[in-house]
C-alpha atoms as a PDB file:
ATOM      1  CA  MET A   1     111.050 112.688  91.265  1.00  0.00           C
ATOM      2  CA  SER A   2     114.552 111.730  92.399  1.00  0.00           C
ATOM      3  CA  ARG A   3     113.503 112.421  96.003  1.00  0.00           C
ATOM      4  CA  ALA A   4     110.430 110.234  95.584  1.00  0.00           C
ATOM      5  CA  PHE A   5     112.584 107.406  94.212  1.00  0.00           C
ATOM      6  CA  ALA A   6     114.963 107.781  97.151  1.00  0.00           C
ATOM      7  CA  ILE A   7     112.035 107.382  99.559  1.00  0.00           C
ATOM      8  CA  ALA A   8     110.803 104.435  97.473  1.00  0.00           C
ATOM      9  CA  ALA A   9     114.196 102.709  97.696  1.00  0.00           C
ATOM     10  CA  ASN A  10     114.308 103.166 101.465  1.00  0.00           C
ATOM     11  CA  THR A  11     110.724 101.912 101.829  1.00  0.00           C
ATOM     12  CA  PHE A  12     111.552  98.857  99.724  1.00  0.00           C
ATOM     13  CA  ARG A  13     114.530  98.006 101.948  1.00  0.00           C
ATOM     14  CA  GLU A  14     112.406  98.377 105.081  1.00  0.00           C
ATOM     15  CA  THR A  15     109.417  96.347 103.912  1.00  0.00           C
ATOM     16  CA  ILE A  16     111.388  93.558 102.263  1.00  0.00           C
ATOM     17  CA  ARG A  17     113.063  92.854 105.628  1.00  0.00           C
ATOM     18  CA  ASP A  18     109.791  92.845 107.545  1.00  0.00           C
ATOM     19  CA  ARG A  19     109.390  89.603 109.526  1.00  0.00           C
ATOM     20  CA  ILE A  20     105.621  89.730 109.198  1.00  0.00           C
ATOM     21  CA  LEU A  21     106.040  89.772 105.432  1.00  0.00           C
ATOM     22  CA  LEU A  22     108.161  86.611 105.581  1.00  0.00           C
ATOM     23  CA  VAL A  23     105.777  84.785 107.913  1.00  0.00           C
ATOM     24  CA  ILE A  24     102.699  85.494 105.806  1.00  0.00           C
ATOM     25  CA  LEU A  25     104.553  84.646 102.610  1.00  0.00           C
ATOM     26  CA  VAL A  26     105.600  81.263 103.996  1.00  0.00           C
ATOM     27  CA  PHE A  27     102.022  80.638 105.133  1.00  0.00           C
ATOM     28  CA  ALA A  28     100.728  81.539 101.681  1.00  0.00           C
ATOM     29  CA  LEU A  29     103.115  79.073 100.067  1.00  0.00           C
ATOM     30  CA  ALA A  30     101.916  76.432 102.532  1.00  0.00           C
ATOM     31  CA  MET A  31      98.334  77.128 101.462  1.00  0.00           C
ATOM     32  CA  ILE A  32      99.306  76.683  97.842  1.00  0.00           C
ATOM     33  CA  VAL A  33     100.934  73.357  98.682  1.00  0.00           C
ATOM     34  CA  ALA A  34      97.669  72.400 100.396  1.00  0.00           C
ATOM     35  CA  SER A  35      96.102  72.466  96.955  1.00  0.00           C
ATOM     36  CA  LEU A  36      97.913  69.176  96.359  1.00  0.00           C
ATOM     37  CA  TRP A  37      95.533  67.572  98.845  1.00  0.00           C
ATOM     38  CA  LEU A  38      92.556  68.959  96.935  1.00  0.00           C
ATOM     39  CA  ALA A  39      94.003  67.536  93.755  1.00  0.00           C
ATOM     40  CA  SER A  40      94.342  64.109  95.366  1.00  0.00           C
ATOM     41  CA  ILE A  41      90.640  63.928  96.263  1.00  0.00           C
ATOM     42  CA  SER A  42      89.362  65.333  92.967  1.00  0.00           C
ATOM     43  CA  LEU A  43      87.896  63.247  90.176  1.00  0.00           C
ATOM     44  CA  GLY A  44      90.056  64.144  87.215  1.00  0.00           C
ATOM     45  CA  GLN A  45      89.917  67.860  88.052  1.00  0.00           C
ATOM     46  CA  GLY A  46      93.224  68.111  89.906  1.00  0.00           C
ATOM     47  CA  ALA A  47      94.802  70.836  87.792  1.00  0.00           C
ATOM     48  CA  ARG A  48      91.639  72.932  87.857  1.00  0.00           C
ATOM     49  CA  LEU A  49      91.286  72.740  91.641  1.00  0.00           C
ATOM     50  CA  MET A  50      94.958  73.461  92.208  1.00  0.00           C
ATOM     51  CA  GLN A  51      94.876  76.541  90.013  1.00  0.00           C
ATOM     52  CA  ASP A  52      91.600  77.842  91.441  1.00  0.00           C
ATOM     53  CA  PHE A  53      92.579  77.331  95.072  1.00  0.00           C
ATOM     54  CA  GLY A  54      96.120  78.572  94.442  1.00  0.00           C
ATOM     55  CA  LEU A  55      94.960  81.833  92.869  1.00  0.00           C
ATOM     56  CA  VAL A  56      92.658  82.442  95.828  1.00  0.00           C
ATOM     57  CA  ALA A  57      95.650  81.937  98.143  1.00  0.00           C
ATOM     58  CA  VAL A  58      97.862  84.274  96.102  1.00  0.00           C
ATOM     59  CA  SER A  59      95.159  86.955  96.029  1.00  0.00           C
ATOM     60  CA  GLY A  60      94.077  86.622  99.648  1.00  0.00           C
ATOM     61  CA  PHE A  61      97.465  86.580 101.277  1.00  0.00           C
ATOM     62  CA  GLY A  62      98.876  89.139  98.861  1.00  0.00           C
ATOM     63  CA  VAL A  63      96.138  91.552  99.911  1.00  0.00           C
ATOM     64  CA  ILE A  64      96.692  90.777 103.599  1.00  0.00           C
ATOM     65  CA  VAL A  65     100.400  91.575 103.298  1.00  0.00           C
ATOM     66  CA  ALA A  66      99.722  94.763 101.319  1.00  0.00           C
ATOM     67  CA  VAL A  67      96.997  96.023 103.650  1.00  0.00           C
ATOM     68  CA  PHE A  68      98.774  95.524 106.963  1.00  0.00           C
ATOM     69  CA  VAL A  69     102.097  96.881 105.704  1.00  0.00           C
ATOM     70  CA  SER A  70     100.642  99.889 103.862  1.00  0.00           C
ATOM     71  CA  ALA A  71      98.370 100.757 106.813  1.00  0.00           C
ATOM     72  CA  GLY A  72     101.434 101.546 108.924  1.00  0.00           C
ATOM     73  CA  LEU A  73     103.679 103.155 106.308  1.00  0.00           C
ATOM     74  CA  VAL A  74     102.744 106.739 107.105  1.00  0.00           C
ATOM     75  CA  ARG A  75     101.995 106.260 110.799  1.00  0.00           C
ATOM     76  CA  LYS A  76     105.358 104.580 111.385  1.00  0.00           C
ATOM     77  CA  GLU A  77     107.223 107.648 110.125  1.00  0.00           C
ATOM     78  CA  ILE A  78     105.128 109.902 112.358  1.00  0.00           C
ATOM     79  CA  ASP A  79     105.569 107.744 115.475  1.00  0.00           C
ATOM     80  CA  LYS A  80     109.344 107.493 114.955  1.00  0.00           C
ATOM     81  CA  ARG A  81     109.519 111.269 114.378  1.00  0.00           C
ATOM     82  CA  THR A  82     111.493 110.636 111.187  1.00  0.00           C
ATOM     83  CA  VAL A  83     108.852 112.595 109.304  1.00  0.00           C
ATOM     84  CA  PHE A  84     110.297 115.792 110.816  1.00  0.00           C
ATOM     85  CA  ILE A  85     113.725 114.966 109.377  1.00  0.00           C
ATOM     86  CA  ILE A  86     112.241 114.139 105.985  1.00  0.00           C
ATOM     87  CA  PHE A  87     110.237 117.336 105.708  1.00  0.00           C
ATOM     88  CA  SER A  88     113.115 119.465 106.983  1.00  0.00           C
ATOM     89  CA  LYS A  89     114.613 118.744 103.572  1.00  0.00           C
ATOM     90  CA  PRO A  90     113.135 119.872 100.232  1.00  0.00           C
ATOM     91  CA  VAL A  91     110.717 116.935 100.078  1.00  0.00           C
ATOM     92  CA  GLY A  92     107.069 117.540  99.196  1.00  0.00           C
ATOM     93  CA  ARG A  93     104.123 115.745 100.753  1.00  0.00           C
ATOM     94  CA  GLY A  94     103.204 114.324  97.348  1.00  0.00           C
ATOM     95  CA  GLU A  95     106.724 112.971  96.858  1.00  0.00           C
ATOM     96  CA  PHE A  96     106.548 111.333 100.264  1.00  0.00           C
ATOM     97  CA  ILE A  97     103.246 109.568  99.478  1.00  0.00           C
ATOM     98  CA  ALA A  98     104.404 108.569  95.985  1.00  0.00           C
ATOM     99  CA  GLY A  99     107.705 107.246  97.314  1.00  0.00           C
ATOM    100  CA  LYS A 100     106.036 105.134  99.978  1.00  0.00           C
ATOM    101  CA  PHE A 101     103.617 103.704  97.430  1.00  0.00           C
ATOM    102  CA  LEU A 102     106.321 102.930  94.863  1.00  0.00           C
ATOM    103  CA  GLY A 103     108.549 101.270  97.447  1.00  0.00           C
ATOM    104  CA  LEU A 104     105.807  98.982  98.707  1.00  0.00           C
ATOM    105  CA  SER A 105     104.721  98.321  95.113  1.00  0.00           C
ATOM    106  CA  ALA A 106     108.188  96.940  94.392  1.00  0.00           C
ATOM    107  CA  THR A 107     107.987  94.716  97.479  1.00  0.00           C
ATOM    108  CA  MET A 108     104.547  93.426  96.517  1.00  0.00           C
ATOM    109  CA  ALA A 109     105.733  92.752  92.966  1.00  0.00           C
ATOM    110  CA  ILE A 110     108.277  90.323  94.409  1.00  0.00           C
ATOM    111  CA  VAL A 111     105.692  88.758  96.736  1.00  0.00           C
ATOM    112  CA  ILE A 112     103.007  88.257  94.085  1.00  0.00           C
ATOM    113  CA  PHE A 113     105.481  87.186  91.407  1.00  0.00           C
ATOM    114  CA  GLY A 114     107.109  84.686  93.770  1.00  0.00           C
ATOM    115  CA  MET A 115     103.818  83.082  94.804  1.00  0.00           C
ATOM    116  CA  THR A 116     102.493  82.998  91.234  1.00  0.00           C
ATOM    117  CA  VAL A 117     105.632  81.389  89.834  1.00  0.00           C
ATOM    118  CA  PHE A 118     105.611  78.879  92.690  1.00  0.00           C
ATOM    119  CA  LEU A 119     102.004  77.985  91.871  1.00  0.00           C
ATOM    120  CA  PHE A 120     102.832  77.745  88.154  1.00  0.00           C
ATOM    121  CA  LEU A 121     105.710  75.329  88.799  1.00  0.00           C
ATOM    122  CA  LEU A 122     103.588  73.331  91.239  1.00  0.00           C
ATOM    123  CA  VAL A 123     100.786  72.830  88.704  1.00  0.00           C
ATOM    124  CA  TRP A 124     103.343  72.024  86.021  1.00  0.00           C
ATOM    125  CA  ALA A 125     105.084  69.408  88.173  1.00  0.00           C
ATOM    126  CA  VAL A 126     101.958  67.725  89.525  1.00  0.00           C
ATOM    127  CA  ALA A 127      99.367  68.033  86.765  1.00  0.00           C
ATOM    128  CA  ARG A 128     101.739  68.345  83.796  1.00  0.00           C
ATOM    129  CA  GLU A 129      99.630  71.247  82.542  1.00  0.00           C
ATOM    130  CA  PRO A 130     101.684  74.459  82.439  1.00  0.00           C
ATOM    131  CA  SER A 131      99.452  77.454  81.761  1.00  0.00           C
ATOM    132  CA  GLY A 132     100.543  80.921  80.722  1.00  0.00           C
ATOM    133  CA  TRP A 133      97.108  82.139  81.802  1.00  0.00           C
ATOM    134  CA  LEU A 134      98.176  81.436  85.378  1.00  0.00           C
ATOM    135  CA  LEU A 135     101.025  83.933  85.112  1.00  0.00           C
ATOM    136  CA  LEU A 136      98.730  86.522  83.514  1.00  0.00           C
ATOM    137  CA  ALA A 137      96.237  85.995  86.334  1.00  0.00           C
ATOM    138  CA  GLY A 138      99.021  86.790  88.800  1.00  0.00           C
ATOM    139  CA  GLY A 139      99.663  90.047  86.968  1.00  0.00           C
ATOM    140  CA  PHE A 140      96.048  91.155  87.361  1.00  0.00           C
ATOM    141  CA  ILE A 141      96.080  90.109  91.010  1.00  0.00           C
ATOM    142  CA  TYR A 142      99.021  92.471  91.394  1.00  0.00           C
ATOM    143  CA  LEU A 143      96.930  95.267  89.849  1.00  0.00           C
ATOM    144  CA  GLN A 144      94.184  94.618  92.406  1.00  0.00           C
ATOM    145  CA  VAL A 145      96.748  94.680  95.208  1.00  0.00           C
ATOM    146  CA  LEU A 146      98.047  98.063  94.028  1.00  0.00           C
ATOM    147  CA  VAL A 147      94.541  99.513  94.190  1.00  0.00           C
ATOM    148  CA  VAL A 148      93.970  98.131  97.688  1.00  0.00           C
ATOM    149  CA  MET A 149      97.329  99.588  98.751  1.00  0.00           C
ATOM    150  CA  ALA A 150      96.369 103.037  97.444  1.00  0.00           C
ATOM    151  CA  VAL A 151      93.023 102.869  99.246  1.00  0.00           C
ATOM    152  CA  THR A 152      94.652 101.738 102.503  1.00  0.00           C
ATOM    153  CA  ILE A 153      97.261 104.504 102.343  1.00  0.00           C
ATOM    154  CA  PHE A 154      94.429 107.004 101.887  1.00  0.00           C
ATOM    155  CA  PHE A 155      92.653 105.714 104.998  1.00  0.00           C
ATOM    156  CA  SER A 156      95.923 105.713 106.946  1.00  0.00           C
ATOM    157  CA  THR A 157      96.335 109.468 106.434  1.00  0.00           C
ATOM    158  CA  PHE A 158      93.456 110.171 108.839  1.00  0.00           C
ATOM    159  CA  ALA A 159      92.749 106.887 110.669  1.00  0.00           C
ATOM    160  CA  SER A 160      94.691 104.510 112.906  1.00  0.00           C
ATOM    161  CA  PRO A 161      96.660 101.700 111.228  1.00  0.00           C
ATOM    162  CA  ILE A 162      94.221  99.048 112.482  1.00  0.00           C
ATOM    163  CA  LEU A 163      91.176 100.922 111.204  1.00  0.00           C
ATOM    164  CA  ALA A 164      92.909 101.664 107.893  1.00  0.00           C
ATOM    165  CA  ALA A 165      93.746  97.960 107.490  1.00  0.00           C
ATOM    166  CA  VAL A 166      90.173  96.898 108.255  1.00  0.00           C
ATOM    167  CA  LEU A 167      88.749  99.447 105.814  1.00  0.00           C
ATOM    168  CA  GLY A 168      91.215  98.337 103.158  1.00  0.00           C
ATOM    169  CA  LEU A 169      90.124  94.720 103.556  1.00  0.00           C
ATOM    170  CA  CYS A 170      86.479  95.795 103.404  1.00  0.00           C
ATOM    171  CA  VAL A 171      87.081  97.622 100.119  1.00  0.00           C
ATOM    172  CA  PHE A 172      88.765  94.524  98.696  1.00  0.00           C
ATOM    173  CA  ALA A 173      85.852  92.310  99.765  1.00  0.00           C
ATOM    174  CA  ALA A 174      83.324  94.787  98.373  1.00  0.00           C
ATOM    175  CA  GLY A 175      85.263  94.982  95.121  1.00  0.00           C
ATOM    176  CA  GLN A 176      84.929  91.234  94.658  1.00  0.00           C
ATOM    177  CA  LEU A 177      81.143  91.525  94.923  1.00  0.00           C
ATOM    178  CA  SER A 178      80.456  94.916  93.314  1.00  0.00           C
ATOM    179  CA  HIS A 179      79.411  93.319  90.012  1.00  0.00           C
ATOM    180  CA  ASN A 180      76.399  91.822  91.826  1.00  0.00           C
ATOM    181  CA  VAL A 181      75.019  95.254  92.713  1.00  0.00           C
ATOM    182  CA  LEU A 182      73.592  96.000  89.265  1.00  0.00           C
ATOM    183  CA  SER A 183      72.110  92.530  88.810  1.00  0.00           C
ATOM    184  CA  LEU A 184      70.288  92.768  92.137  1.00  0.00           C
ATOM    185  CA  THR A 185      68.754  96.175  91.394  1.00  0.00           C
ATOM    186  CA  GLN A 186      67.484  95.020  88.019  1.00  0.00           C
ATOM    187  CA  LEU A 187      64.918  92.972  89.916  1.00  0.00           C
ATOM    188  CA  GLY A 188      63.160  96.157  91.002  1.00  0.00           C
ATOM    189  CA  ASP A 189      61.626  99.115  89.166  1.00  0.00           C
ATOM    190  CA  SER A 190      62.926 101.920  91.382  1.00  0.00           C
ATOM    191  CA  ALA A 191      64.866 104.469  89.316  1.00  0.00           C
ATOM    192  CA  ALA A 192      66.430 105.936  92.465  1.00  0.00           C
ATOM    193  CA  LEU A 193      67.678 102.521  93.554  1.00  0.00           C
ATOM    194  CA  GLN A 194      69.103 101.799  90.137  1.00  0.00           C
ATOM    195  CA  GLY A 195      70.858 105.171  90.087  1.00  0.00           C
ATOM    196  CA  LEU A 196      72.304 104.538  93.532  1.00  0.00           C
ATOM    197  CA  SER A 197      73.493 101.118  92.410  1.00  0.00           C
ATOM    198  CA  TRP A 198      75.415 102.702  89.534  1.00  0.00           C
ATOM    199  CA  VAL A 199      77.093 105.106  91.955  1.00  0.00           C
ATOM    200  CA  VAL A 200      78.121 102.225  94.213  1.00  0.00           C
ATOM    201  CA  PHE A 201      79.231 100.220  91.185  1.00  0.00           C
ATOM    202  CA  LEU A 202      81.582 103.004  90.064  1.00  0.00           C
ATOM    203  CA  VAL A 203      82.826 104.090  93.502  1.00  0.00           C
ATOM    204  CA  VAL A 204      83.685 100.569  94.667  1.00  0.00           C
ATOM    205  CA  PRO A 205      86.504  99.119  92.495  1.00  0.00           C
ATOM    206  CA  ASN A 206      85.255  96.212  90.404  1.00  0.00           C
ATOM    207  CA  PHE A 207      87.988  93.635  90.982  1.00  0.00           C
ATOM    208  CA  SER A 208      86.042  90.715  89.560  1.00  0.00           C
ATOM    209  CA  ALA A 209      86.097  92.351  86.101  1.00  0.00           C
ATOM    210  CA  VAL A 210      89.866  91.825  85.825  1.00  0.00           C
ATOM    211  CA  SER A 211      90.006  88.417  87.479  1.00  0.00           C
ATOM    212  CA  LEU A 212      91.354  85.757  85.120  1.00  0.00           C
ATOM    213  CA  ALA A 213      90.562  82.853  87.451  1.00  0.00           C
ATOM    214  CA  PRO A 214      87.504  81.778  85.381  1.00  0.00           C
ATOM    215  CA  VAL A 215      89.681  81.879  82.256  1.00  0.00           C
ATOM    216  CA  VAL A 216      92.437  79.849  83.902  1.00  0.00           C
ATOM    217  CA  VAL A 217      90.042  77.043  84.914  1.00  0.00           C
ATOM    218  CA  GLY A 218      88.253  77.077  81.551  1.00  0.00           C
ATOM    219  CA  GLU A 219      84.928  78.539  82.645  1.00  0.00           C
ATOM    220  CA  GLN A 220      85.159  81.655  80.462  1.00  0.00           C
ATOM    221  CA  VAL A 221      86.922  83.040  77.400  1.00  0.00           C
ATOM    222  CA  ALA A 222      88.990  86.165  77.967  1.00  0.00           C
ATOM    223  CA  ASP A 223      87.258  89.344  76.781  1.00  0.00           C
ATOM    224  CA  TRP A 224      90.263  91.630  76.427  1.00  0.00           C
ATOM    225  CA  SER A 225      88.248  94.722  75.564  1.00  0.00           C
ATOM    226  CA  THR A 226      86.376  94.456  78.868  1.00  0.00           C
ATOM    227  CA  ILE A 227      89.461  93.471  80.836  1.00  0.00           C
ATOM    228  CA  GLY A 228      91.490  96.306  79.314  1.00  0.00           C
ATOM    229  CA  GLY A 229      88.775  98.862  80.018  1.00  0.00           C
ATOM    230  CA  TRP A 230      88.365  97.849  83.643  1.00  0.00           C
ATOM    231  CA  GLY A 231      92.132  97.577  84.011  1.00  0.00           C
ATOM    232  CA  GLY A 232      92.473 101.212  82.957  1.00  0.00           C
ATOM    233  CA  TYR A 233      89.704 102.115  85.392  1.00  0.00           C
ATOM    234  CA  LEU A 234      91.592 100.465  88.271  1.00  0.00           C
ATOM    235  CA  VAL A 235      94.802 102.294  87.369  1.00  0.00           C
ATOM    236  CA  ALA A 236      92.910 105.607  87.371  1.00  0.00           C
ATOM    237  CA  TYR A 237      91.243 104.616  90.657  1.00  0.00           C
ATOM    238  CA  ALA A 238      94.633 104.055  92.314  1.00  0.00           C
ATOM    239  CA  VAL A 239      95.945 107.394  91.033  1.00  0.00           C
ATOM    240  CA  ILE A 240      92.874 109.214  92.358  1.00  0.00           C
ATOM    241  CA  MET A 241      93.211 107.582  95.785  1.00  0.00           C
ATOM    242  CA  LEU A 242      96.871 108.593  95.970  1.00  0.00           C
ATOM    243  CA  GLY A 243      95.854 112.121  94.986  1.00  0.00           C
ATOM    244  CA  LEU A 244      93.288 112.189  97.788  1.00  0.00           C
ATOM    245  CA  SER A 245      95.946 110.870 100.179  1.00  0.00           C
ATOM    246  CA  TRP A 246      98.153 113.814  99.244  1.00  0.00           C
ATOM    247  CA  LEU A 247      95.316 116.299  99.754  1.00  0.00           C
ATOM    248  CA  VAL A 248      94.620 114.978 103.254  1.00  0.00           C
ATOM    249  CA  PHE A 249      98.276 114.562 104.215  1.00  0.00           C
ATOM    250  CA  ARG A 250      99.282 118.074 103.127  1.00  0.00           C
ATOM    251  CA  ARG A 251      96.866 119.513 105.689  1.00  0.00           C
ATOM    252  CA  LYS A 252      98.578 117.767 108.591  1.00  0.00           C
ATOM    253  CA  GLU A 253     100.822 119.849 110.810  1.00  0.00           C
ATOM    254  CA  PHE A 254     104.299 118.521 111.620  1.00  0.00           C
END
């Protein structure tokens, strides 16, 4: 594990200095500030609009950063030939994948935490309504980002960085809508279709189940049993995807 942590530390140093990361982060903060304009045109719903729009910005741009950085993590080492130096030492393929994931996870923790705290302070300063739910929502956004990272790293082990990034974004988009699959199939009587819908429902990560945005804006009451169950499912999903990444990557010849 010490070798994996060494790779993680090096990955963290590389990704935290990435110019693309800084540009997208600044743009995300600008989008959050744009929520002030929405608050100015609202009719007594300023805080709600700011929080809703801000969480969308945190989630969207957090995923964009994670996808495009994680899509090139493995490929970059191969293109630079540094992978030959790494594997000339007693470093396993699993340690390499785990180290890359942990390093980027640390970077994304700073990105998501920074944007969430910025949004929290913005809502507090403008609407005078500080909400701890907002910070919790940021934590579950981070969980979603970790899953998307694991999925993107899996795709990057056998596809180009661009294709891996596109597939990662597609999985994120599908995960936001996967809860609609079961409701749509209930309109029909086909047992085969309903069975297929359950397969899709379980294979595609259900991100909406752990979204606290409706709780933050007062549309729902938090059901912690459901959130905890789906949260555990997403953690297991990420671990499985990293395991699959290792299985594919260990077959590559270097």
